[in-house]
Each structure stands twice: as structure tokens, then as C-alpha cells.
N, C-alpha and C. Protein backbone atom coordinates (compact mmCIF):
# COMPACT_ATOMS: atom_id res chain seq x y z
N MET A 1 16.76 -0.64 -19.78
CA MET A 1 15.98 -1.35 -18.53
C MET A 1 15.79 -2.56 -18.99
N THR A 2 15.56 -2.85 -20.14
CA THR A 2 15.22 -3.88 -20.75
C THR A 2 16.27 -4.91 -20.56
N GLN A 3 17.61 -4.28 -20.90
CA GLN A 3 18.75 -5.20 -20.51
C GLN A 3 18.55 -5.65 -19.20
N LYS A 4 18.56 -5.42 -18.24
CA LYS A 4 18.13 -5.53 -16.74
C LYS A 4 17.51 -6.61 -16.65
N LEU A 5 16.28 -6.65 -17.39
CA LEU A 5 14.68 -7.63 -17.32
C LEU A 5 15.55 -8.94 -17.87
N ILE A 6 16.22 -8.93 -19.33
CA ILE A 6 17.14 -9.92 -19.50
C ILE A 6 18.10 -10.78 -18.77
N GLU A 7 18.75 -9.61 -18.32
CA GLU A 7 19.44 -10.57 -17.40
C GLU A 7 18.95 -11.02 -16.16
N LYS A 8 18.33 -10.28 -15.69
CA LYS A 8 17.28 -10.90 -14.27
C LYS A 8 16.62 -12.77 -14.65
N PHE A 9 16.04 -12.22 -15.78
CA PHE A 9 15.50 -13.29 -16.46
C PHE A 9 16.47 -14.63 -16.65
N GLU A 10 17.43 -14.54 -17.43
CA GLU A 10 18.43 -15.56 -17.68
C GLU A 10 19.01 -15.82 -16.26
N ASN A 11 19.30 -14.93 -15.15
CA ASN A 11 19.75 -15.57 -14.23
C ASN A 11 19.02 -16.22 -13.51
N ASP A 12 17.78 -16.17 -13.80
CA ASP A 12 16.78 -16.94 -12.83
C ASP A 12 16.57 -18.66 -13.38
N MET A 13 16.42 -18.37 -14.49
CA MET A 13 16.89 -19.21 -15.04
C MET A 13 18.18 -20.40 -15.18
N ALA A 14 19.12 -19.76 -15.00
CA ALA A 14 19.97 -20.31 -14.26
C ALA A 14 20.25 -21.11 -12.92
N LYS A 15 19.70 -20.05 -12.60
CA LYS A 15 19.24 -20.59 -11.21
C LYS A 15 18.98 -21.49 -10.37
N ARG A 16 17.49 -21.29 -10.92
CA ARG A 16 16.10 -22.32 -10.62
C ARG A 16 15.94 -23.41 -11.52
N THR A 17 15.84 -24.43 -11.27
CA THR A 17 14.99 -25.33 -11.94
C THR A 17 13.59 -25.35 -12.18
N ARG A 18 13.19 -25.68 -13.57
CA ARG A 18 11.71 -24.98 -13.93
C ARG A 18 10.58 -25.71 -12.59
N PHE A 19 10.96 -26.97 -11.77
CA PHE A 19 10.40 -27.13 -10.67
C PHE A 19 9.72 -26.02 -9.29
N MET A 20 10.97 -25.70 -9.55
CA MET A 20 11.86 -24.62 -8.19
C MET A 20 10.46 -23.33 -8.64
N ARG A 21 10.92 -22.78 -9.95
CA ARG A 21 10.11 -21.87 -10.32
C ARG A 21 8.51 -21.96 -9.93
N PHE A 22 8.26 -23.52 -10.51
CA PHE A 22 7.11 -23.55 -9.98
C PHE A 22 6.33 -23.49 -8.70
N LEU A 23 7.30 -23.91 -8.10
CA LEU A 23 7.09 -23.83 -6.45
C LEU A 23 6.60 -22.56 -5.99
N LEU A 24 7.76 -21.55 -6.55
CA LEU A 24 8.03 -20.05 -6.08
C LEU A 24 6.90 -19.41 -6.58
N VAL A 25 5.82 -19.51 -8.07
CA VAL A 25 4.66 -19.23 -8.48
C VAL A 25 3.46 -19.41 -7.59
N LEU A 26 3.62 -20.80 -7.07
CA LEU A 26 2.26 -21.15 -6.07
C LEU A 26 2.45 -20.58 -4.87
N ASP A 27 4.16 -20.14 -4.20
CA ASP A 27 4.16 -19.33 -2.73
C ASP A 27 3.53 -18.14 -3.22
N GLN A 28 4.27 -17.47 -4.51
CA GLN A 28 3.36 -16.06 -4.78
C GLN A 28 1.97 -15.92 -4.86
N MET A 29 1.31 -16.70 -5.30
CA MET A 29 -0.10 -17.14 -5.47
C MET A 29 -0.97 -17.00 -3.90
N ILE A 30 -0.06 -18.00 -3.34
CA ILE A 30 -0.65 -17.89 -1.96
C ILE A 30 -0.87 -17.06 -1.16
N ASN A 31 0.23 -16.16 -1.12
CA ASN A 31 0.79 -14.83 -0.29
C ASN A 31 -0.67 -13.88 -0.77
N VAL A 32 -1.13 -13.73 -2.13
CA VAL A 32 -1.80 -12.73 -2.46
C VAL A 32 -3.23 -13.25 -2.67
N ILE A 33 -3.44 -14.51 -2.21
CA ILE A 33 -4.61 -15.20 -2.00
C ILE A 33 -5.31 -15.08 -1.05
N PHE A 34 -4.11 -15.46 0.26
CA PHE A 34 -4.58 -16.05 1.54
C PHE A 34 -4.19 -14.49 2.68
N TRP A 35 -2.84 -13.67 2.02
CA TRP A 35 -2.73 -12.31 2.50
C TRP A 35 -2.74 -11.30 2.35
N ASN A 36 -3.07 -11.11 1.04
CA ASN A 36 -3.70 -10.16 0.46
C ASN A 36 -2.54 -8.91 -0.35
N GLY A 37 -1.18 -10.19 -0.34
CA GLY A 37 0.27 -9.53 -0.43
C GLY A 37 0.70 -9.57 -1.69
N SER A 38 1.40 -8.96 -2.44
CA SER A 38 1.78 -8.69 -3.35
C SER A 38 1.96 -9.88 -4.20
N GLN A 39 2.18 -10.18 -5.59
CA GLN A 39 2.03 -11.41 -6.69
C GLN A 39 3.67 -11.42 -7.05
N ASP A 40 4.69 -9.68 -6.21
CA ASP A 40 6.19 -10.40 -6.24
C ASP A 40 6.55 -10.82 -4.98
N GLU A 41 5.62 -11.02 -4.20
CA GLU A 41 6.14 -11.78 -3.25
C GLU A 41 6.12 -12.77 -2.44
N THR A 42 7.14 -13.84 -1.81
CA THR A 42 6.42 -14.93 -1.01
C THR A 42 5.70 -14.78 0.43
N VAL A 43 5.58 -15.90 0.58
CA VAL A 43 4.52 -16.05 1.82
C VAL A 43 5.63 -15.47 3.11
N SER A 44 6.84 -16.33 2.93
CA SER A 44 7.78 -15.79 3.74
C SER A 44 8.39 -14.78 3.73
N SER A 45 8.52 -14.16 3.13
CA SER A 45 9.00 -13.05 2.95
C SER A 45 8.14 -11.47 3.50
N HIS A 46 6.84 -12.33 3.34
CA HIS A 46 5.36 -11.56 4.04
C HIS A 46 5.79 -11.34 5.53
N ILE A 47 5.42 -12.25 5.84
CA ILE A 47 5.17 -12.91 7.44
C ILE A 47 6.94 -11.92 7.96
N GLY A 48 7.88 -12.73 7.50
CA GLY A 48 9.23 -11.50 7.50
C GLY A 48 8.86 -10.46 8.38
N ARG A 49 8.26 -9.67 6.96
CA ARG A 49 8.20 -8.35 7.29
C ARG A 49 7.45 -8.12 8.10
N ARG A 50 6.11 -9.04 8.64
CA ARG A 50 5.10 -8.83 9.74
C ARG A 50 5.65 -8.78 11.20
N ILE A 51 7.08 -9.58 10.94
CA ILE A 51 7.20 -10.34 12.10
C ILE A 51 8.55 -9.08 12.63
N GLU A 52 9.03 -8.41 11.21
CA GLU A 52 9.79 -7.22 11.97
C GLU A 52 8.96 -6.48 12.23
N LYS A 53 7.97 -5.58 11.93
CA LYS A 53 7.40 -4.49 12.39
C LYS A 53 6.40 -4.80 13.64
N GLY A 54 6.30 -6.51 13.83
CA GLY A 54 5.61 -6.34 15.59
C GLY A 54 3.93 -6.75 14.90
N VAL A 55 3.77 -6.94 13.94
CA VAL A 55 2.44 -6.67 13.46
C VAL A 55 1.65 -8.03 13.13
N ALA A 56 2.67 -9.12 13.49
CA ALA A 56 2.60 -11.02 12.86
C ALA A 56 1.26 -11.18 13.85
N THR A 57 0.52 -12.47 13.29
CA THR A 57 -0.09 -12.94 14.14
C THR A 57 0.57 -14.14 14.50
N LYS A 58 -0.65 -14.69 15.56
CA LYS A 58 0.12 -15.86 16.18
C LYS A 58 0.61 -17.07 15.19
N PHE A 59 -0.61 -17.22 14.32
CA PHE A 59 -0.64 -17.90 13.14
C PHE A 59 0.69 -17.92 11.77
N GLU A 60 0.89 -16.83 11.81
CA GLU A 60 2.13 -16.35 11.08
C GLU A 60 3.60 -16.82 12.01
N LYS A 61 3.61 -16.82 12.96
CA LYS A 61 4.76 -16.61 13.69
C LYS A 61 5.13 -18.10 13.83
N LYS A 62 3.99 -19.10 14.17
CA LYS A 62 4.09 -20.44 14.03
C LYS A 62 4.50 -20.76 12.86
N LEU A 63 3.89 -20.30 11.32
CA LEU A 63 4.04 -20.94 10.56
C LEU A 63 5.51 -20.52 10.08
N CYS A 64 6.55 -19.80 10.32
CA CYS A 64 7.68 -19.23 10.33
C CYS A 64 8.63 -19.97 11.27
N CYS A 65 8.10 -20.34 12.60
CA CYS A 65 8.70 -21.13 13.17
C CYS A 65 9.00 -22.95 12.69
N PHE A 66 7.96 -23.62 11.68
CA PHE A 66 7.90 -24.40 10.91
C PHE A 66 9.16 -24.00 10.04
N LEU A 67 8.91 -23.11 9.37
CA LEU A 67 10.12 -22.83 7.82
C LEU A 67 10.90 -23.21 8.08
N LYS A 68 11.26 -22.41 9.86
CA LYS A 68 12.71 -22.50 10.39
C LYS A 68 13.20 -23.86 10.31
N ARG A 69 12.56 -24.80 10.25
CA ARG A 69 13.22 -25.91 10.68
C ARG A 69 13.72 -26.43 9.40
N LEU A 70 12.89 -26.31 8.12
CA LEU A 70 13.50 -26.73 7.00
C LEU A 70 15.15 -25.78 6.63
N GLU A 71 14.93 -24.30 6.55
CA GLU A 71 16.04 -23.56 6.63
C GLU A 71 16.47 -23.02 7.92
N ASN A 72 17.05 -22.61 8.36
CA ASN A 72 17.07 -21.57 9.45
C ASN A 72 17.30 -20.24 9.11
N ASN A 73 16.51 -19.42 9.89
CA ASN A 73 15.91 -18.14 9.83
C ASN A 73 15.41 -17.64 8.64
N HIS A 74 14.79 -18.96 8.05
CA HIS A 74 13.77 -18.74 6.72
C HIS A 74 13.35 -17.41 5.92
N CYS A 75 12.32 -17.23 7.37
CA CYS A 75 11.44 -16.39 7.31
C CYS A 75 12.56 -14.90 6.70
N PHE A 76 13.87 -14.88 7.21
CA PHE A 76 14.08 -13.25 7.19
C PHE A 76 15.27 -13.17 6.54
N LYS A 77 15.32 -14.50 5.79
CA LYS A 77 16.63 -14.99 4.99
C LYS A 77 16.09 -14.71 3.45
N SER A 78 14.11 -14.96 3.63
CA SER A 78 13.17 -14.47 2.50
C SER A 78 13.30 -13.00 2.33
N LEU A 79 13.09 -12.46 2.95
CA LEU A 79 12.89 -11.02 3.03
C LEU A 79 13.20 -10.18 1.66
N GLY A 80 12.34 -9.70 0.63
CA GLY A 80 13.06 -9.36 -0.70
C GLY A 80 12.57 -10.58 -1.64
N GLU A 81 12.35 -11.65 -1.33
CA GLU A 81 12.04 -12.47 -2.67
C GLU A 81 10.36 -12.49 -2.92
């Protein structure tokens, strides 16, 4: 178990810059504050799940459409993040 956590940590450090990890933390914090979501999930992932379940608000759908301009299918690609 400990070895898997170490590997995950090292993989994350190699994959993302410090600034990108900082943005990820902000994203997760916003998910907790405004969506009462998990601290381990991004806003995009949270909204993607809500859209799949058919319970997303109009605002959430519009936010997802905005994020789609930055990356095609961003909310669905980020599921589980």
C-alpha cells in the first residue's frame, strides 16, 4: 500500500509542474466550497458526473460548455480526476 502511494506521488510530480499542482488544489478547493464535493475531485469531474446522471443545473452545463472551449470534452475527460 505504501509503495503504491509513493509511486503515485512520484508519477504526479513527474507529470505536473508545481504551478499545475497548485491550480489542481485550487480546483479541488472550489469543488468543496461551492459544490460540497469531494476534496479529491475537480469541479470538471464533479460536473461531468452530474451531467451523466442527468442532475446538472443550467449553470453547470454552461460551465462545462465554456470548459469545452479550452479542451474538447473537458468535463468528461476529467471524470475520476
